């Protein structure tokens, strides 16, 4: 098929690669414009932009589709379908209607649960046992369109957003190729009105760990915010990101380090910290972290 691809972050890259490998004709790649990044604030192209350029594809990055010229250029591509995955812009109806078969969105949740910006984070933070990927026919509402295909997967008890992100990206890449291969026979099923939840964008104020919460809540927060923005706590005046955890045994005051394996008491229960990162350093597994920073039993985390 003649496909317009629309995506921006790393999550979208395997989908683009899969479409090319499957032999589809990529008419153009749309992505967000380069943004200032890093210490020098130099403009950096998106992950999709960089990969598409390496593949020799036509890359376009309009600021939005408010201008008639941008809409006309999109329509003039004569695409059969547009594949949209984490593009980052609300598409106007004129764009949604331009491809012959419309626009298909790859969404990383089991719709209608977790419509919106951060479905992977929210599924882990809410303690969902499973999530998945949906191929949705796009319409004007926020992730409200009918679903053509869906695939479910369980969330591992120690799985982080980073790990689940990579699994769902690969699942989405395979599922969209499946959908395009049998688009004529798929039936678009309207989403049910019950069970709708919204995955609000992650705010940095959610990242500080409150050790008075239950161990289950703290564990979900740590895994759900890993690797970005990273749940964090103070360790003897040093801010440390917590990037991996599991539930553990033991009791103590909230935030109290219970043993030499970084088990930390919560309001109820305890968690064991598995992966950590000090400011200005790379992420480290527990044993490597403890070789560089003393965290004795009895220390109270979160004070500082």
Protein backbone atom coordinates (compact mmCIF):
# COMPACT_ATOMS: atom_id res chain seq x y z
CA UNK A 1 0.00 0.00 0.00
CA UNK A 2 1.01 3.62 -0.42
CA UNK A 3 1.45 4.79 3.17
CA UNK A 4 2.02 8.11 4.90
CA UNK A 5 3.80 7.45 8.21
CA UNK A 6 3.30 9.84 11.13
CA UNK A 7 5.31 9.39 14.34
CA UNK A 8 7.90 11.09 16.51
CA UNK A 9 9.58 9.24 19.44
CA UNK A 10 11.63 6.05 19.70
CA UNK A 11 8.41 4.06 20.21
CA UNK A 12 7.43 4.80 16.60
CA UNK A 13 10.70 3.75 14.93
CA UNK A 14 10.17 -0.05 14.87
CA UNK A 15 6.78 0.54 13.24
CA UNK A 16 8.34 2.54 10.41
CA UNK A 17 11.02 -0.11 9.93
CA UNK A 18 8.41 -2.88 9.84
CA UNK A 19 6.32 -1.08 7.20
CA UNK A 20 9.36 -0.66 4.97
CA UNK A 21 10.42 -4.29 5.50
CA UNK A 22 6.89 -5.44 4.58
CA UNK A 23 7.25 -3.73 1.19
CA UNK A 24 4.86 -0.82 1.63
CA UNK A 25 5.53 2.35 -0.35
CA UNK A 26 6.24 5.13 2.15
CA UNK A 27 4.98 8.27 0.42
CA UNK A 28 6.33 10.54 3.17
CA UNK A 29 7.21 10.54 6.85
CA UNK A 30 5.65 13.21 9.07
CA UNK A 31 7.18 13.96 12.45
CA UNK A 32 7.48 16.76 14.99
CA UNK A 33 9.93 19.56 14.12
CA UNK A 34 13.47 19.47 15.57
CA UNK A 35 13.52 20.75 19.18
CA UNK A 36 16.30 22.25 21.33
CA UNK A 37 17.89 19.50 23.42
CA UNK A 38 20.94 18.82 25.57
CA UNK A 39 23.11 21.27 27.42
CA UNK A 40 23.83 23.32 24.32
CA UNK A 41 20.12 23.47 23.42
CA UNK A 42 20.95 22.67 19.82
CA UNK A 43 18.03 21.64 17.67
CA UNK A 44 17.77 17.87 17.51
CA UNK A 45 15.61 15.91 15.07
CA UNK A 46 13.13 13.39 16.47
CA UNK A 47 14.00 9.69 16.60
CA UNK A 48 11.69 9.07 13.64
CA UNK A 49 13.21 11.95 11.66
CA UNK A 50 16.73 10.59 12.19
CA UNK A 51 15.82 7.02 11.22
CA UNK A 52 13.73 8.04 8.21
CA UNK A 53 16.58 10.19 6.92
CA UNK A 54 18.95 7.20 7.25
CA UNK A 55 16.49 5.16 5.19
CA UNK A 56 16.35 7.82 2.47
CA UNK A 57 12.68 8.65 3.04
CA UNK A 58 10.99 12.01 2.45
CA UNK A 59 10.66 13.66 5.89
CA UNK A 60 8.27 16.52 6.61
CA UNK A 61 7.71 18.32 9.90
CA UNK A 62 5.03 21.03 9.71
CA UNK A 63 4.41 22.83 12.98
CA UNK A 64 0.73 21.95 12.62
CA UNK A 65 -1.87 21.45 9.91
CA UNK A 66 -3.64 24.77 10.33
CA UNK A 67 -2.27 26.10 7.05
CA UNK A 68 -4.07 25.22 3.83
CA UNK A 69 -0.74 24.59 2.07
CA UNK A 70 0.27 21.86 4.55
CA UNK A 71 -3.09 20.14 4.18
CA UNK A 72 -2.91 20.34 0.39
CA UNK A 73 0.61 18.84 0.35
CA UNK A 74 -0.60 15.98 2.56
CA UNK A 75 -3.59 15.25 0.30
CA UNK A 76 -1.45 15.50 -2.84
CA UNK A 77 0.59 12.48 -1.74
CA UNK A 78 -2.30 10.27 -2.85
CA UNK A 79 -1.88 7.78 -0.01
CA UNK A 80 -3.98 4.70 0.49
CA UNK A 81 -3.66 5.05 4.26
CA UNK A 82 -1.83 6.99 6.96
CA UNK A 83 -0.30 5.09 9.87
CA UNK A 84 -0.07 7.22 13.01
CA UNK A 85 1.84 6.25 16.15
CA UNK A 86 2.77 8.73 18.89
CA UNK A 87 2.88 11.59 16.40
CA UNK A 88 2.11 14.31 18.95
CA UNK A 89 -0.39 16.45 17.05
CA UNK A 90 -4.17 16.45 16.88
CA UNK A 91 -5.05 15.89 13.22
CA UNK A 92 -7.83 18.01 11.69
CA UNK A 93 -10.67 16.29 9.86
CA UNK A 94 -9.31 17.33 6.46
CA UNK A 95 -6.12 15.34 7.17
CA UNK A 96 -8.02 12.36 8.59
CA UNK A 97 -10.11 12.21 5.42
CA UNK A 98 -7.29 12.67 2.89
CA UNK A 99 -5.95 9.08 2.54
CA UNK A 100 -8.22 6.76 0.60
CA UNK A 101 -8.59 4.37 3.55
CA UNK A 102 -8.29 7.02 6.27
CA UNK A 103 -5.81 7.14 9.16
CA UNK A 104 -4.96 4.19 11.40
CA UNK A 105 -3.55 4.78 14.87
CA UNK A 106 -1.44 2.36 16.90
CA UNK A 107 -2.35 2.90 20.56
CA UNK A 108 -0.51 1.22 23.44
CA UNK A 109 -3.46 0.16 25.59
CA UNK A 110 -6.58 -1.97 25.52
CA UNK A 111 -9.04 0.73 24.51
CA UNK A 112 -11.19 2.27 25.88
CA UNK A 113 -8.92 1.94 28.93
CA UNK A 114 -6.12 4.50 28.98
CA UNK A 115 -6.95 6.83 26.16
CA UNK A 116 -4.53 9.73 25.99
CA UNK A 117 -0.87 10.60 26.38
CA UNK A 118 0.71 8.15 28.85
CA UNK A 119 -1.03 4.77 28.62
CA UNK A 120 2.04 2.65 29.41
CA UNK A 121 2.99 4.59 32.54
CA UNK A 122 -0.59 4.65 33.79
CA UNK A 123 -1.20 0.94 33.28
CA UNK A 124 1.76 0.04 35.49
CA UNK A 125 1.05 2.74 38.07
CA UNK A 126 -2.55 1.54 38.36
CA UNK A 127 -1.47 -2.06 38.85
CA UNK A 128 -3.11 -3.39 35.70
CA UNK A 129 -2.43 -7.10 35.19
CA UNK A 130 -2.49 -6.75 31.41
CA UNK A 131 -2.30 -4.21 28.64
CA UNK A 132 -1.85 -4.40 24.89
CA UNK A 133 -1.99 -2.67 21.53
CA UNK A 134 -4.98 -1.55 19.48
CA UNK A 135 -5.15 -0.61 15.80
CA UNK A 136 -7.80 2.09 15.68
CA UNK A 137 -9.54 3.89 12.82
CA UNK A 138 -8.95 7.53 13.71
CA UNK A 139 -11.71 10.07 14.15
CA UNK A 140 -11.86 13.57 15.61
CA UNK A 141 -12.14 12.51 19.28
CA UNK A 142 -9.19 11.62 21.54
CA UNK A 143 -8.57 7.90 20.90
CA UNK A 144 -12.31 7.30 20.45
CA UNK A 145 -12.33 5.59 17.06
CA UNK A 146 -13.44 2.02 16.33
CA UNK A 147 -10.88 -0.75 16.81
CA UNK A 148 -9.79 -2.99 13.93
CA UNK A 149 -7.36 -5.25 15.78
CA UNK A 150 -6.17 -5.68 19.35
CA UNK A 151 -3.57 -7.84 21.05
CA UNK A 152 -3.20 -8.33 24.79
CA UNK A 153 -0.11 -9.05 26.91
CA UNK A 154 0.45 -9.53 30.62
CA UNK A 155 2.49 -6.98 32.58
CA UNK A 156 5.39 -8.58 34.44
CA UNK A 157 5.52 -8.18 38.23
CA UNK A 158 8.88 -6.39 37.98
CA UNK A 159 8.35 -4.82 34.55
CA UNK A 160 9.13 -1.13 34.10
CA UNK A 161 7.59 1.33 31.67
CA UNK A 162 10.83 1.20 29.67
CA UNK A 163 10.69 -2.57 29.21
CA UNK A 164 6.96 -2.61 28.48
CA UNK A 165 7.40 0.29 26.04
CA UNK A 166 9.81 -1.77 23.94
CA UNK A 167 7.56 -4.85 23.97
CA UNK A 168 4.47 -2.89 22.95
CA UNK A 169 6.37 -1.06 20.20
CA UNK A 170 7.36 -4.39 18.64
CA UNK A 171 3.80 -5.70 19.07
CA UNK A 172 2.40 -2.60 17.37
CA UNK A 173 4.79 -2.96 14.45
CA UNK A 174 3.68 -6.55 13.82
CA UNK A 175 0.00 -5.79 14.36
CA UNK A 176 -0.17 -2.86 11.90
CA UNK A 177 1.48 -4.98 9.20
CA UNK A 178 -1.13 -7.66 9.88
CA UNK A 179 -3.92 -5.06 9.70
CA UNK A 180 -2.74 -3.60 6.39
CA UNK A 181 -2.42 -7.07 4.92
CA UNK A 182 -6.10 -7.83 5.49
CA UNK A 183 -7.66 -4.39 5.69
CA UNK A 184 -10.48 -5.35 3.34
CA UNK A 185 -11.74 -8.08 5.69
CA UNK A 186 -11.33 -6.42 9.10
CA UNK A 187 -14.41 -5.11 10.89
CA UNK A 188 -14.10 -1.85 12.84
CA UNK A 189 -15.67 -2.44 16.26
CA UNK A 190 -16.92 0.67 18.13
CA UNK A 191 -15.38 1.14 21.56
CA UNK A 192 -17.73 0.43 24.49
CA UNK A 193 -18.93 3.40 26.49
CA UNK A 194 -18.08 1.64 29.75
CA UNK A 195 -14.55 1.31 31.05
CA UNK A 196 -13.22 4.56 29.63
CA UNK A 197 -10.16 5.94 31.47
CA UNK A 198 -7.73 8.69 30.51
CA UNK A 199 -3.95 8.46 30.75
CA UNK A 200 -2.97 12.00 31.66
CA UNK A 201 0.53 13.17 30.78
CA UNK A 202 3.03 12.41 33.56
CA UNK A 203 3.77 15.43 35.74
CA UNK A 204 7.10 15.78 37.55
CA UNK A 205 5.29 16.34 40.86
CA UNK A 206 4.29 12.65 40.73
CA UNK A 207 7.90 11.50 40.87
CA UNK A 208 8.88 12.02 44.54
CA UNK A 209 8.34 8.85 46.57
CA UNK A 210 6.11 9.14 49.63
CA UNK A 211 7.28 6.30 51.85
CA UNK A 212 4.12 6.46 53.97
CA UNK A 213 2.21 4.92 51.06
CA UNK A 214 1.89 1.16 50.81
CA UNK A 215 4.68 -0.93 49.33
CA UNK A 216 2.39 -1.93 46.46
CA UNK A 217 1.81 1.74 45.56
CA UNK A 218 5.49 2.66 45.86
CA UNK A 219 6.57 -0.32 43.75
CA UNK A 220 4.09 0.62 41.02
CA UNK A 221 5.27 4.24 41.11
CA UNK A 222 8.94 3.27 40.78
CA UNK A 223 8.35 0.85 37.90
CA UNK A 224 5.77 3.06 36.21
CA UNK A 225 8.05 6.11 36.12
CA UNK A 226 11.17 4.22 34.99
CA UNK A 227 13.17 5.36 33.13
CA UNK A 228 11.48 8.74 32.71
CA UNK A 229 10.96 10.93 34.62
CA UNK A 230 12.18 8.51 37.31
CA UNK A 231 10.73 8.24 40.80
CA UNK A 232 13.16 9.72 43.31
CA UNK A 233 14.00 10.04 46.97
CA UNK A 234 16.62 11.73 49.16
CA UNK A 235 19.43 9.56 50.51
CA UNK A 236 21.30 11.50 53.16
CA UNK A 237 20.84 14.74 51.23
CA UNK A 238 21.50 13.26 47.79
CA UNK A 239 18.69 12.95 45.27
CA UNK A 240 18.58 9.45 43.85
CA UNK A 241 16.33 8.12 41.09
CA UNK A 242 14.77 4.73 41.73
CA UNK A 243 14.47 2.82 38.46
CA UNK A 244 13.65 -0.75 39.49
CA UNK A 245 12.02 -2.46 42.46
CA UNK A 246 10.15 -5.48 43.76
CA UNK A 247 8.00 -6.14 46.79
CA UNK A 248 9.97 -7.35 49.84
CA UNK A 249 9.44 -8.53 53.39
CA UNK A 250 10.10 -6.63 56.59
CA UNK A 251 8.63 -3.81 58.64
CA UNK A 252 9.90 -0.52 59.95
CA UNK A 253 9.34 3.23 59.94
CA UNK A 254 8.36 4.62 56.51
CA UNK A 255 11.56 5.13 54.49
CA UNK A 256 13.74 3.05 56.84
CA UNK A 257 16.45 0.93 55.21
CA UNK A 258 15.91 -2.55 56.61
CA UNK A 259 18.92 -4.56 55.38
CA UNK A 260 22.03 -4.60 53.21
CA UNK A 261 19.96 -5.45 50.12
CA UNK A 262 18.22 -2.07 50.02
CA UNK A 263 14.87 -3.21 51.35
CA UNK A 264 12.97 -0.09 52.44
CA UNK A 265 9.94 0.03 54.71
CA UNK A 266 6.78 1.71 53.48
CA UNK A 267 3.54 2.65 55.23
CA UNK A 268 2.65 -1.02 54.93
CA UNK A 269 5.11 -3.62 53.64
CA UNK A 270 8.47 -2.95 52.03
CA UNK A 271 10.13 -2.71 48.63
CA UNK A 272 13.59 -3.77 47.52
CA UNK A 273 15.38 -1.26 45.30
CA UNK A 274 16.98 -2.98 42.30
CA UNK A 275 18.27 -0.16 40.08
CA UNK A 276 19.23 3.38 41.07
CA UNK A 277 20.83 6.52 39.64
CA UNK A 278 22.57 9.44 41.31
CA UNK A 279 22.53 12.86 39.62
CA UNK A 280 25.20 13.12 36.96
CA UNK A 281 25.82 9.36 36.92
CA UNK A 282 24.52 6.47 34.86
CA UNK A 283 21.91 4.04 36.13
CA UNK A 284 23.37 1.22 38.25
CA UNK A 285 22.22 -2.13 39.51
CA UNK A 286 21.86 -2.42 43.27
CA UNK A 287 25.25 -4.03 43.99
CA UNK A 288 27.20 -1.53 41.86
CA UNK A 289 25.32 1.38 43.43
CA UNK A 290 26.12 0.21 46.98
CA UNK A 291 29.83 -0.02 46.14
CA UNK A 292 29.82 3.70 45.44
CA UNK A 293 27.42 4.95 48.12
CA UNK A 294 26.93 3.73 51.66
CA UNK A 295 23.28 3.15 52.57
CA UNK A 296 23.42 1.65 56.09
CA UNK A 297 20.57 -0.10 57.85
CA UNK A 298 18.46 2.33 59.79
CA UNK A 299 18.94 5.23 57.37
CA UNK A 300 15.64 7.00 56.70
CA UNK A 301 15.13 7.80 53.04
CA UNK A 302 13.20 10.86 51.99
CA UNK A 303 14.65 13.19 54.58
CA UNK A 304 16.40 16.18 53.08
